[in-house]
Amino acid sequence: QPRRGEAPRPKAQPPRRAAATAESTSMSGVAPDVDLRAQGGVSRHLVVFGIALACATSVYTYTRGGPVDEAAEEPLPVAEGASTWVGFVLKLLLRLCQMVLGVAVVLLGFLVVQQRKVLYVPTPPGAQRSTKDNPHRLRSPQAWGLPFEDVMITTADGTKVNAWFVYQPLSKCKDAVPFTFLYCHGNAGNIGHRLENIHAMCEKLNANILILDYRAYGDSEDGPGPSQAGFMMDAMATYRWLVERIRNPKEQEVTRMSEDRILLFGRSIGGAVAIHLMADLLKERQVAGTDGSLPLPAGLVLENTFTSLRDMALQVFPFLSPVSILLRPPMIFDPWDSATCLDFITKHHRAWACCLLSGLDDQIVPPMQMRQLSNILRERKPEILKYFTFKDGGHNDTPIVGGAEYWASFQKFMMLVAESEGGKKGAAAME
């Protein structure tokens, strides 16, 4: 309480959520996934231009019938005059609809041309592309005291992507084989911006982490540039590298790993990458059989990801609603239809696990989309399904804001996955 004569003290304000830049990342540990609304570049000038263009088109259409012959005009009876006013109002409403549709089409055209620039942001504002140019604590796992290997992985189209393999030393995994996560990060920044999260995962979950930078990100080669097809080649090549490393360990191996203990982790667009990767691995197994394909991961961990790029576009840019029927390939280059892929997985795979981690204060991906993914999973449940929500968790900072509750939830899921392994091995032996 303030003393007599003193002004009342202002109420404590909740901490302002960190801005999505590399500079704020160095202070807060939050990865810089860029808000598509900010990155979209749909400026006020473009909106004004679109409205002006639509108005001009409407006026031209309205007047193109030629000059009015005033001599031919005669006074109309009252009834006909009222009818004329009704027609005028209807025509005005029609012109208004045309204008709205015209603005939407103009802005849609702009977004179609710019969509990959909007979606993929290797160098967010205030950041540098290479991990070597990050702030000191974000340059290398070594800055966090984490043992790691810096690797370059060649993809199917010859592009080389950079990855960090952060591992648990043998001294820490004598009693049990740790889980290994293939970590697919969000749409902005490089793997260095995720170091605080990687450190926490290693410490709290006692796990190995293999995190990749997609093509044109970080120290990876550009290749043909970022795209859904390119990202999936990067993810598949990284997964293949991991499986081959497990099957053919180094002579002096630094950690312990098992094919049965691989989990895919994806945040934001990384969740879409993880879902699509698991679907692609499942399709490959259906075609080539068990012996000719890569093993399936034990499961997925998805954090603040979306159902599809179409759904995200309508959420972020609501003015596209009048032309929503057009928001599909080829108009959308990279559909990232995670909902359909997840539905495919549930129809053709049973013995797997899935964990959903949703920040309910996510201002970028609506939490409703995580609920929609959960509903798909509930229709044909995997062997293990957990859906955890965190009231104040934002898009980038759910692990930080969620704190002990977040990590306890994550650990609970992993414990259930570990407990389920005995049943899977027994079933395999019976086969």
Foldseek 3Di string as FASTA:
>chain_A
DDDPPDDDDDDDDDDDDFALALVSLVVPLFHRFDFLLVLQPCDPVLLVVQLVVLVVVLVCVVDVVDDDDPVPDDDDPPVVVVVVVVVVVVSVVVSVVSSLVSSLVSSLVSCLVCVVSSQAAQHPPPGDFALCRGPPQLNDLVSVVFDWDWDWFAFPVGWTWIKIKTADFAVLAVPHAAFEEEEQEGRYYFPSSNSVVVSCCCVLRVYIYIYIGFAPGHPTHNPVHDALVRLLRVSLRSVVVVQVCQVPPDPPHGGHHDQARYEYEYAEVGQLSRLVNQLVQLVVCVVQNDVRGRDHYQEYEYELYAQWVLVLCCVSPVSNVVVSVPPDPPSHPHTSRSLVSLLSCLVRDARHEYEYEYECAAPRRHSVRSVSSVVSCVVRPHPYYYYDYDDHDYRGCCCPNVDPVVSVSVNVRVVVSVVCVVVVVVVVVVD
